[in-house]
Amino acid sequence: MTRTQRQRAVRLALYALFVLLAVVFVLVADWEAISTSFFVPEGFTETWQDFVLIGARNTILYTVIAFAGGFVLALVLVLMKLAPVAPFRWVATAYIELFRGLPALVVILFMALGVPIAFDGWRPPGGTIGAGLVGLMLVAGAYMAETIRAGIEAVPKGQTEAARSLGMNGGWTMATVVMPQALRIVIPPLTNELVILIKDTSLLFVVGMAANERELTTLARDFMASGPSAGTATSLIFVSVLYLAITLPLTRVVAWLERRQRRSR
């Protein structure tokens, strides 16, 4: 048997094993129990408006706010890390290493609970939700700062040298020549960060929120406790489908952008 024939035989065996496992699952699974636990029709028909108009809307809104704030913070951190003044570089490096090393949940709890305790009840604008979003911004800013820094370093040095030979100063060169090229390079990883933030908004449930402030995960948890599908996981199935409907198109965009960049190089 040749090598090609052996590889074909292995593939056929793996396909046969997959089909066998699928048949066994279909025959053994308790479909009635699965249906009553995960697919209660009322859990979809009577709650979809809340999930779409409140949960999905707030999830997208919180993501946009956290991403925008984190992006601005990341730009500041990058400029500090590239500054000629050493203390600025030290502060930026310490910040990035700190918030990349902390779980987002810990930072959210610190901003929502720890800061009010330390500063006599003071919270950022927006109450507990605002505090949670600030926590997401702090973490996202640290990750995006490293992504943007890598993009800046990927810009050919000749671009900077050509701009300086034309009489541009360092700040103007960075703003008009280096940064635009760097941002084009880092669009795919920044889009990945956006996808991560969409999922990280689910951590905001720990801070507590009003009924009209709930995002998808909090809404699903509440409907598991009460509502037409209480006591089942139907709401979790529904919220999972909505998360996938939001994130899968973005991941496809990332893949397309990466292929386009590879072709351009």
C-alpha atoms as a PDB file:
ATOM      1  CA  MET A   1       0.000   0.000   0.000  1.00  0.00           C
ATOM      2  CA  THR A   2       1.415   3.379  -0.995  1.00  0.00           C
ATOM      3  CA  ARG A   3       1.637   6.381   1.300  1.00  0.00           C
ATOM      4  CA  THR A   4      -1.253   8.083  -0.484  1.00  0.00           C
ATOM      5  CA  GLN A   5      -3.411   4.985  -0.132  1.00  0.00           C
ATOM      6  CA  ARG A   6      -2.614   4.750   3.586  1.00  0.00           C
ATOM      7  CA  GLN A   7      -3.566   8.402   4.104  1.00  0.00           C
ATOM      8  CA  ARG A   8      -6.827   7.843   2.225  1.00  0.00           C
ATOM      9  CA  ALA A   9      -7.568   4.766   4.317  1.00  0.00           C
ATOM     10  CA  VAL A  10      -6.935   6.690   7.541  1.00  0.00           C
ATOM     11  CA  ARG A  11      -9.260   9.488   6.436  1.00  0.00           C
ATOM     12  CA  LEU A  12     -11.997   7.002   5.533  1.00  0.00           C
ATOM     13  CA  ALA A  13     -11.596   5.319   8.927  1.00  0.00           C
ATOM     14  CA  LEU A  14     -11.913   8.650  10.715  1.00  0.00           C
ATOM     15  CA  TYR A  15     -15.040   9.517   8.705  1.00  0.00           C
ATOM     16  CA  ALA A  16     -16.521   6.122   9.551  1.00  0.00           C
ATOM     17  CA  LEU A  17     -15.731   6.641  13.244  1.00  0.00           C
ATOM     18  CA  PHE A  18     -17.408  10.067  13.179  1.00  0.00           C
ATOM     19  CA  VAL A  19     -20.541   8.631  11.538  1.00  0.00           C
ATOM     20  CA  LEU A  20     -20.617   5.769  14.048  1.00  0.00           C
ATOM     21  CA  LEU A  21     -20.371   8.142  17.009  1.00  0.00           C
ATOM     22  CA  ALA A  22     -23.114  10.351  15.545  1.00  0.00           C
ATOM     23  CA  VAL A  23     -25.424   7.343  15.086  1.00  0.00           C
ATOM     24  CA  VAL A  24     -24.730   6.136  18.637  1.00  0.00           C
ATOM     25  CA  PHE A  25     -25.524   9.611  19.997  1.00  0.00           C
ATOM     26  CA  VAL A  26     -28.782   9.802  18.052  1.00  0.00           C
ATOM     27  CA  LEU A  27     -29.853   6.360  19.301  1.00  0.00           C
ATOM     28  CA  VAL A  28     -28.778   6.760  22.931  1.00  0.00           C
ATOM     29  CA  ALA A  29     -29.729  10.402  23.627  1.00  0.00           C
ATOM     30  CA  ASP A  30     -32.907  11.098  25.585  1.00  0.00           C
ATOM     31  CA  TRP A  31     -34.457  13.518  23.111  1.00  0.00           C
ATOM     32  CA  GLU A  32     -37.511  14.181  25.267  1.00  0.00           C
ATOM     33  CA  ALA A  33     -35.325  15.283  28.188  1.00  0.00           C
ATOM     34  CA  ILE A  34     -33.165  17.395  25.875  1.00  0.00           C
ATOM     35  CA  SER A  35     -36.232  19.056  24.419  1.00  0.00           C
ATOM     36  CA  THR A  36     -37.792  19.882  27.784  1.00  0.00           C
ATOM     37  CA  SER A  37     -34.470  21.138  29.196  1.00  0.00           C
ATOM     38  CA  PHE A  38     -33.075  23.186  26.333  1.00  0.00           C
ATOM     39  CA  PHE A  39     -35.802  23.891  23.771  1.00  0.00           C
ATOM     40  CA  VAL A  40     -38.995  25.024  25.478  1.00  0.00           C
ATOM     41  CA  PRO A  41     -40.883  26.849  22.678  1.00  0.00           C
ATOM     42  CA  GLU A  42     -42.245  29.534  25.007  1.00  0.00           C
ATOM     43  CA  GLY A  43     -38.684  30.368  26.006  1.00  0.00           C
ATOM     44  CA  PHE A  44     -38.108  31.605  22.474  1.00  0.00           C
ATOM     45  CA  THR A  45     -41.459  32.989  21.379  1.00  0.00           C
ATOM     46  CA  GLU A  46     -42.267  34.939  24.547  1.00  0.00           C
ATOM     47  CA  THR A  47     -38.817  36.351  25.349  1.00  0.00           C
ATOM     48  CA  TRP A  48     -37.202  37.134  22.000  1.00  0.00           C
ATOM     49  CA  GLN A  49     -38.169  40.812  22.167  1.00  0.00           C
ATOM     50  CA  ASP A  50     -36.439  41.238  25.524  1.00  0.00           C
ATOM     51  CA  PHE A  51     -33.352  39.423  24.298  1.00  0.00           C
ATOM     52  CA  VAL A  52     -33.104  41.390  21.051  1.00  0.00           C
ATOM     53  CA  LEU A  53     -34.360  44.834  22.082  1.00  0.00           C
ATOM     54  CA  ILE A  54     -32.792  44.938  25.558  1.00  0.00           C
ATOM     55  CA  GLY A  55     -30.080  42.274  25.881  1.00  0.00           C
ATOM     56  CA  ALA A  56     -28.488  42.453  22.424  1.00  0.00           C
ATOM     57  CA  ARG A  57     -28.862  46.232  22.256  1.00  0.00           C
ATOM     58  CA  ASN A  58     -27.139  46.747  25.615  1.00  0.00           C
ATOM     59  CA  THR A  59     -24.430  44.204  24.807  1.00  0.00           C
ATOM     60  CA  ILE A  60     -23.564  46.064  21.606  1.00  0.00           C
ATOM     61  CA  LEU A  61     -23.790  49.458  23.338  1.00  0.00           C
ATOM     62  CA  TYR A  62     -21.513  48.408  26.211  1.00  0.00           C
ATOM     63  CA  THR A  63     -19.043  46.898  23.735  1.00  0.00           C
ATOM     64  CA  VAL A  64     -18.856  50.078  21.673  1.00  0.00           C
ATOM     65  CA  ILE A  65     -18.342  52.239  24.774  1.00  0.00           C
ATOM     66  CA  ALA A  66     -15.646  49.953  26.237  1.00  0.00           C
ATOM     67  CA  PHE A  67     -13.855  49.617  22.899  1.00  0.00           C
ATOM     68  CA  ALA A  68     -13.860  53.352  22.200  1.00  0.00           C
ATOM     69  CA  GLY A  69     -12.601  54.195  25.689  1.00  0.00           C
ATOM     70  CA  GLY A  70     -10.006  51.433  25.583  1.00  0.00           C
ATOM     71  CA  PHE A  71      -8.781  52.552  22.160  1.00  0.00           C
ATOM     72  CA  VAL A  72      -8.249  56.148  23.301  1.00  0.00           C
ATOM     73  CA  LEU A  73      -6.469  54.905  26.424  1.00  0.00           C
ATOM     74  CA  ALA A  74      -4.318  52.596  24.265  1.00  0.00           C
ATOM     75  CA  LEU A  75      -3.201  55.490  22.049  1.00  0.00           C
ATOM     76  CA  VAL A  76      -2.142  57.460  25.125  1.00  0.00           C
ATOM     77  CA  LEU A  77      -0.254  54.471  26.523  1.00  0.00           C
ATOM     78  CA  VAL A  78       1.526  53.851  23.213  1.00  0.00           C
ATOM     79  CA  LEU A  79       2.663  57.465  22.961  1.00  0.00           C
ATOM     80  CA  MET A  80       3.903  57.297  26.558  1.00  0.00           C
ATOM     81  CA  LYS A  81       5.735  54.035  25.901  1.00  0.00           C
ATOM     82  CA  LEU A  82       7.455  55.519  22.838  1.00  0.00           C
ATOM     83  CA  ALA A  83       8.229  58.833  24.538  1.00  0.00           C
ATOM     84  CA  PRO A  84      11.866  59.869  24.978  1.00  0.00           C
ATOM     85  CA  VAL A  85      11.196  60.632  28.667  1.00  0.00           C
ATOM     86  CA  ALA A  86      11.982  57.506  30.690  1.00  0.00           C
ATOM     87  CA  PRO A  87       9.372  57.978  33.491  1.00  0.00           C
ATOM     88  CA  PHE A  88       6.586  58.035  30.889  1.00  0.00           C
ATOM     89  CA  ARG A  89       7.849  54.739  29.476  1.00  0.00           C
ATOM     90  CA  TRP A  90       8.063  53.215  32.951  1.00  0.00           C
ATOM     91  CA  VAL A  91       4.487  54.217  33.846  1.00  0.00           C
ATOM     92  CA  ALA A  92       3.069  52.950  30.538  1.00  0.00           C
ATOM     93  CA  THR A  93       4.958  49.660  30.784  1.00  0.00           C
ATOM     94  CA  ALA A  94       3.892  49.120  34.398  1.00  0.00           C
ATOM     95  CA  TYR A  95       0.260  49.863  33.531  1.00  0.00           C
ATOM     96  CA  ILE A  96       0.222  47.508  30.545  1.00  0.00           C
ATOM     97  CA  GLU A  97       1.851  44.656  32.437  1.00  0.00           C
ATOM     98  CA  LEU A  98      -0.463  45.153  35.430  1.00  0.00           C
ATOM     99  CA  PHE A  99      -3.770  45.168  33.565  1.00  0.00           C
ATOM    100  CA  ARG A 100      -2.763  42.439  31.146  1.00  0.00           C
ATOM    101  CA  GLY A 101      -1.969  40.268  34.139  1.00  0.00           C
ATOM    102  CA  LEU A 102      -5.241  40.862  36.015  1.00  0.00           C
ATOM    103  CA  PRO A 103      -8.507  39.065  35.170  1.00  0.00           C
ATOM    104  CA  ALA A 104     -11.112  41.433  33.744  1.00  0.00           C
ATOM    105  CA  LEU A 105     -13.573  40.281  36.416  1.00  0.00           C
ATOM    106  CA  VAL A 106     -11.233  41.405  39.202  1.00  0.00           C
ATOM    107  CA  VAL A 107     -10.814  44.847  37.617  1.00  0.00           C
ATOM    108  CA  ILE A 108     -14.592  45.231  37.163  1.00  0.00           C
ATOM    109  CA  LEU A 109     -15.229  44.308  40.805  1.00  0.00           C
ATOM    110  CA  PHE A 110     -12.479  46.666  41.933  1.00  0.00           C
ATOM    111  CA  MET A 111     -13.994  49.607  40.031  1.00  0.00           C
ATOM    112  CA  ALA A 112     -17.596  48.802  41.020  1.00  0.00           C
ATOM    113  CA  LEU A 113     -17.007  47.845  44.667  1.00  0.00           C
ATOM    114  CA  GLY A 114     -13.463  48.651  45.731  1.00  0.00           C
ATOM    115  CA  VAL A 115     -13.302  52.255  44.504  1.00  0.00           C
ATOM    116  CA  PRO A 116     -16.599  53.315  46.183  1.00  0.00           C
ATOM    117  CA  ILE A 117     -15.341  51.855  49.473  1.00  0.00           C
ATOM    118  CA  ALA A 118     -12.001  53.633  49.195  1.00  0.00           C
ATOM    119  CA  PHE A 119     -13.428  56.995  48.065  1.00  0.00           C
ATOM    120  CA  ASP A 120     -16.523  57.286  50.245  1.00  0.00           C
ATOM    121  CA  GLY A 121     -19.093  56.012  47.764  1.00  0.00           C
ATOM    122  CA  TRP A 122     -17.766  57.786  44.666  1.00  0.00           C
ATOM    123  CA  ARG A 123     -18.355  55.978  41.373  1.00  0.00           C
ATOM    124  CA  PRO A 124     -17.603  56.879  37.746  1.00  0.00           C
ATOM    125  CA  PRO A 125     -20.506  58.372  35.756  1.00  0.00           C
ATOM    126  CA  GLY A 126     -23.175  55.783  35.021  1.00  0.00           C
ATOM    127  CA  GLY A 127     -23.281  54.162  38.449  1.00  0.00           C
ATOM    128  CA  THR A 128     -22.331  50.515  38.748  1.00  0.00           C
ATOM    129  CA  ILE A 129     -22.636  49.942  34.992  1.00  0.00           C
ATOM    130  CA  GLY A 130     -20.341  52.908  34.365  1.00  0.00           C
ATOM    131  CA  ALA A 131     -17.848  51.493  36.871  1.00  0.00           C
ATOM    132  CA  GLY A 132     -17.959  48.103  35.168  1.00  0.00           C
ATOM    133  CA  LEU A 133     -17.403  49.673  31.770  1.00  0.00           C
ATOM    134  CA  VAL A 134     -14.414  51.606  33.102  1.00  0.00           C
ATOM    135  CA  GLY A 135     -13.007  48.272  34.282  1.00  0.00           C
ATOM    136  CA  LEU A 136     -13.412  46.831  30.780  1.00  0.00           C
ATOM    137  CA  MET A 137     -11.786  49.941  29.286  1.00  0.00           C
ATOM    138  CA  LEU A 138      -8.771  49.634  31.583  1.00  0.00           C
ATOM    139  CA  VAL A 139      -8.165  46.025  30.571  1.00  0.00           C
ATOM    140  CA  ALA A 140      -8.921  46.506  26.874  1.00  0.00           C
ATOM    141  CA  GLY A 141      -6.668  49.572  26.736  1.00  0.00           C
ATOM    142  CA  ALA A 142      -3.694  47.547  27.996  1.00  0.00           C
ATOM    143  CA  TYR A 143      -4.145  44.848  25.358  1.00  0.00           C
ATOM    144  CA  MET A 144      -4.811  47.281  22.526  1.00  0.00           C
ATOM    145  CA  ALA A 145      -1.768  49.354  23.482  1.00  0.00           C
ATOM    146  CA  GLU A 146       0.519  46.389  22.865  1.00  0.00           C
ATOM    147  CA  THR A 147      -1.268  45.638  19.593  1.00  0.00           C
ATOM    148  CA  ILE A 148      -0.858  49.215  18.345  1.00  0.00           C
ATOM    149  CA  ARG A 149       2.778  49.324  19.478  1.00  0.00           C
ATOM    150  CA  ALA A 150       3.478  46.186  17.446  1.00  0.00           C
ATOM    151  CA  GLY A 151       1.799  47.838  14.448  1.00  0.00           C
ATOM    152  CA  ILE A 152       3.958  50.948  14.796  1.00  0.00           C
ATOM    153  CA  GLU A 153       7.114  48.850  14.963  1.00  0.00           C
ATOM    154  CA  ALA A 154       5.976  46.987  11.815  1.00  0.00           C
ATOM    155  CA  VAL A 155       5.973  50.217   9.773  1.00  0.00           C
ATOM    156  CA  PRO A 156       9.248  50.340   7.775  1.00  0.00           C
ATOM    157  CA  LYS A 157      11.823  52.708   9.272  1.00  0.00           C
ATOM    158  CA  GLY A 158      12.286  54.248   5.845  1.00  0.00           C
ATOM    159  CA  GLN A 159       8.860  55.868   6.154  1.00  0.00           C
ATOM    160  CA  THR A 160       9.960  57.798   9.231  1.00  0.00           C
ATOM    161  CA  GLU A 161      13.300  58.689   7.720  1.00  0.00           C
ATOM    162  CA  ALA A 162      11.659  59.972   4.533  1.00  0.00           C
ATOM    163  CA  ALA A 163       9.225  62.106   6.521  1.00  0.00           C
ATOM    164  CA  ARG A 164      11.990  63.579   8.674  1.00  0.00           C
ATOM    165  CA  SER A 165      14.056  64.347   5.570  1.00  0.00           C
ATOM    166  CA  LEU A 166      11.141  66.465   4.362  1.00  0.00           C
ATOM    167  CA  GLY A 167      11.359  68.558   7.516  1.00  0.00           C
ATOM    168  CA  MET A 168       8.555  66.961   9.562  1.00  0.00           C
ATOM    169  CA  ASN A 169       9.065  66.877  13.316  1.00  0.00           C
ATOM    170  CA  GLY A 170       8.687  63.690  15.347  1.00  0.00           C
ATOM    171  CA  GLY A 171       5.106  64.303  16.485  1.00  0.00           C
ATOM    172  CA  TRP A 172       3.816  65.226  13.037  1.00  0.00           C
ATOM    173  CA  THR A 173       5.587  62.226  11.502  1.00  0.00           C
ATOM    174  CA  MET A 174       3.966  59.914  14.031  1.00  0.00           C
ATOM    175  CA  ALA A 175       0.491  61.406  13.544  1.00  0.00           C
ATOM    176  CA  THR A 176       0.424  61.660   9.750  1.00  0.00           C
ATOM    177  CA  VAL A 177       2.825  58.986   8.471  1.00  0.00           C
ATOM    178  CA  VAL A 178       3.451  56.214  10.994  1.00  0.00           C
ATOM    179  CA  MET A 179       0.162  55.956  12.889  1.00  0.00           C
ATOM    180  CA  PRO A 180      -2.157  55.692   9.834  1.00  0.00           C
ATOM    181  CA  GLN A 181      -0.050  52.847   8.442  1.00  0.00           C
ATOM    182  CA  ALA A 182       0.159  51.144  11.840  1.00  0.00           C
ATOM    183  CA  LEU A 183      -3.612  51.266  12.317  1.00  0.00           C
ATOM    184  CA  ARG A 184      -4.172  49.608   8.948  1.00  0.00           C
ATOM    185  CA  ILE A 185      -1.816  46.825   9.998  1.00  0.00           C
ATOM    186  CA  VAL A 186      -3.536  46.240  13.348  1.00  0.00           C
ATOM    187  CA  ILE A 187      -7.151  46.296  12.141  1.00  0.00           C
ATOM    188  CA  PRO A 188      -7.465  42.458  12.280  1.00  0.00           C
ATOM    189  CA  PRO A 189      -6.133  42.082  15.860  1.00  0.00           C
ATOM    190  CA  LEU A 190      -8.176  45.084  16.994  1.00  0.00           C
ATOM    191  CA  THR A 191     -11.271  43.435  15.529  1.00  0.00           C
ATOM    192  CA  ASN A 192     -10.379  40.333  17.541  1.00  0.00           C
ATOM    193  CA  GLU A 193     -10.226  42.536  20.631  1.00  0.00           C
ATOM    194  CA  LEU A 194     -13.706  43.812  19.754  1.00  0.00           C
ATOM    195  CA  VAL A 195     -14.988  40.220  19.645  1.00  0.00           C
ATOM    196  CA  ILE A 196     -13.393  39.533  23.039  1.00  0.00           C
ATOM    197  CA  LEU A 197     -15.059  42.637  24.474  1.00  0.00           C
ATOM    198  CA  ILE A 198     -18.462  41.489  23.196  1.00  0.00           C
ATOM    199  CA  LYS A 199     -18.070  38.339  25.276  1.00  0.00           C
ATOM    200  CA  ASP A 200     -16.513  40.154  28.240  1.00  0.00           C
ATOM    201  CA  THR A 201     -19.609  42.343  28.629  1.00  0.00           C
ATOM    202  CA  SER A 202     -21.172  39.224  30.155  1.00  0.00           C
ATOM    203  CA  LEU A 203     -18.947  39.866  33.199  1.00  0.00           C
ATOM    204  CA  LEU A 204     -20.926  43.014  33.967  1.00  0.00           C
ATOM    205  CA  PHE A 205     -23.647  40.890  35.568  1.00  0.00           C
ATOM    206  CA  VAL A 206     -21.594  40.872  38.786  1.00  0.00           C
ATOM    207  CA  VAL A 207     -22.130  44.602  39.379  1.00  0.00           C
ATOM    208  CA  GLY A 208     -25.933  44.424  39.326  1.00  0.00           C
ATOM    209  CA  MET A 209     -28.093  46.389  36.935  1.00  0.00           C
ATOM    210  CA  ALA A 210     -31.604  47.683  36.411  1.00  0.00           C
ATOM    211  CA  ALA A 211     -34.055  45.799  34.193  1.00  0.00           C
ATOM    212  CA  ASN A 212     -33.462  48.031  31.170  1.00  0.00           C
ATOM    213  CA  GLU A 213     -29.667  47.860  31.620  1.00  0.00           C
ATOM    214  CA  ARG A 214     -29.320  44.082  31.423  1.00  0.00           C
ATOM    215  CA  GLU A 215     -27.086  42.574  28.752  1.00  0.00           C
ATOM    216  CA  LEU A 216     -27.578  39.138  27.197  1.00  0.00           C
ATOM    217  CA  THR A 217     -26.047  36.975  29.914  1.00  0.00           C
ATOM    218  CA  THR A 218     -27.834  38.724  32.777  1.00  0.00           C
ATOM    219  CA  LEU A 219     -31.116  38.495  30.893  1.00  0.00           C
ATOM    220  CA  ALA A 220     -30.603  34.765  30.304  1.00  0.00           C
ATOM    221  CA  ARG A 221     -29.825  34.198  33.986  1.00  0.00           C
ATOM    222  CA  ASP A 222     -32.970  36.065  35.043  1.00  0.00           C
ATOM    223  CA  PHE A 223     -35.175  34.087  32.640  1.00  0.00           C
ATOM    224  CA  MET A 224     -33.717  30.841  33.996  1.00  0.00           C
ATOM    225  CA  ALA A 225     -35.032  31.868  37.421  1.00  0.00           C
ATOM    226  CA  SER A 226     -38.414  33.172  36.288  1.00  0.00           C
ATOM    227  CA  GLY A 227     -40.414  33.429  33.113  1.00  0.00           C
ATOM    228  CA  PRO A 228     -41.877  31.035  30.538  1.00  0.00           C
ATOM    229  CA  SER A 229     -38.765  28.814  30.485  1.00  0.00           C
ATOM    230  CA  ALA A 230     -37.890  28.974  34.187  1.00  0.00           C
ATOM    231  CA  GLY A 231     -36.001  25.969  35.465  1.00  0.00           C
ATOM    232  CA  THR A 232     -34.610  25.108  32.030  1.00  0.00           C
ATOM    233  CA  ALA A 233     -31.572  26.145  29.995  1.00  0.00           C
ATOM    234  CA  THR A 234     -33.632  27.398  27.045  1.00  0.00           C
ATOM    235  CA  SER A 235     -32.619  31.001  27.652  1.00  0.00           C
ATOM    236  CA  LEU A 236     -28.940  29.987  27.577  1.00  0.00           C
ATOM    237  CA  ILE A 237     -29.451  28.338  24.184  1.00  0.00           C
ATOM    238  CA  PHE A 238     -31.155  31.480  22.899  1.00  0.00           C
ATOM    239  CA  VAL A 239     -28.454  33.803  24.223  1.00  0.00           C
ATOM    240  CA  SER A 240     -25.740  31.573  22.768  1.00  0.00           C
ATOM    241  CA  VAL A 241     -27.331  31.856  19.331  1.00  0.00           C
ATOM    242  CA  LEU A 242     -27.463  35.646  19.662  1.00  0.00           C
ATOM    243  CA  TYR A 243     -23.806  35.854  20.721  1.00  0.00           C
ATOM    244  CA  LEU A 244     -22.838  33.755  17.711  1.00  0.00           C
ATOM    245  CA  ALA A 245     -24.969  35.943  15.436  1.00  0.00           C
ATOM    246  CA  ILE A 246     -22.966  38.956  16.627  1.00  0.00           C
ATOM    247  CA  THR A 247     -19.464  37.471  16.808  1.00  0.00           C
ATOM    248  CA  LEU A 248     -19.301  35.093  13.835  1.00  0.00           C
ATOM    249  CA  PRO A 249     -19.624  37.846  11.188  1.00  0.00           C
ATOM    250  CA  LEU A 250     -16.833  39.752  12.938  1.00  0.00           C
ATOM    251  CA  THR A 251     -14.545  36.731  13.003  1.00  0.00           C
ATOM    252  CA  ARG A 252     -15.206  36.225   9.278  1.00  0.00           C
ATOM    253  CA  VAL A 253     -14.274  39.876   8.711  1.00  0.00           C
ATOM    254  CA  VAL A 254     -11.032  39.318  10.621  1.00  0.00           C
ATOM    255  CA  ALA A 255     -10.187  36.293   8.476  1.00  0.00           C
ATOM    256  CA  TRP A 256     -10.922  38.264   5.290  1.00  0.00           C
ATOM    257  CA  LEU A 257      -8.757  41.181   6.426  1.00  0.00           C
ATOM    258  CA  GLU A 258      -5.885  38.862   7.291  1.00  0.00           C
ATOM    259  CA  ARG A 259      -6.056  37.210   3.871  1.00  0.00           C
ATOM    260  CA  ARG A 260      -6.139  40.605   2.213  1.00  0.00           C
ATOM    261  CA  GLN A 261      -3.082  41.773   4.136  1.00  0.00           C
ATOM    262  CA  ARG A 262      -1.174  38.616   3.229  1.00  0.00           C
ATOM    263  CA  ARG A 263      -1.960  39.151  -0.460  1.00  0.00           C
ATOM    264  CA  SER A 264      -0.912  42.803  -0.306  1.00  0.00           C
ATOM    265  CA  ARG A 265       2.442  41.817   1.232  1.00  0.00           C
END
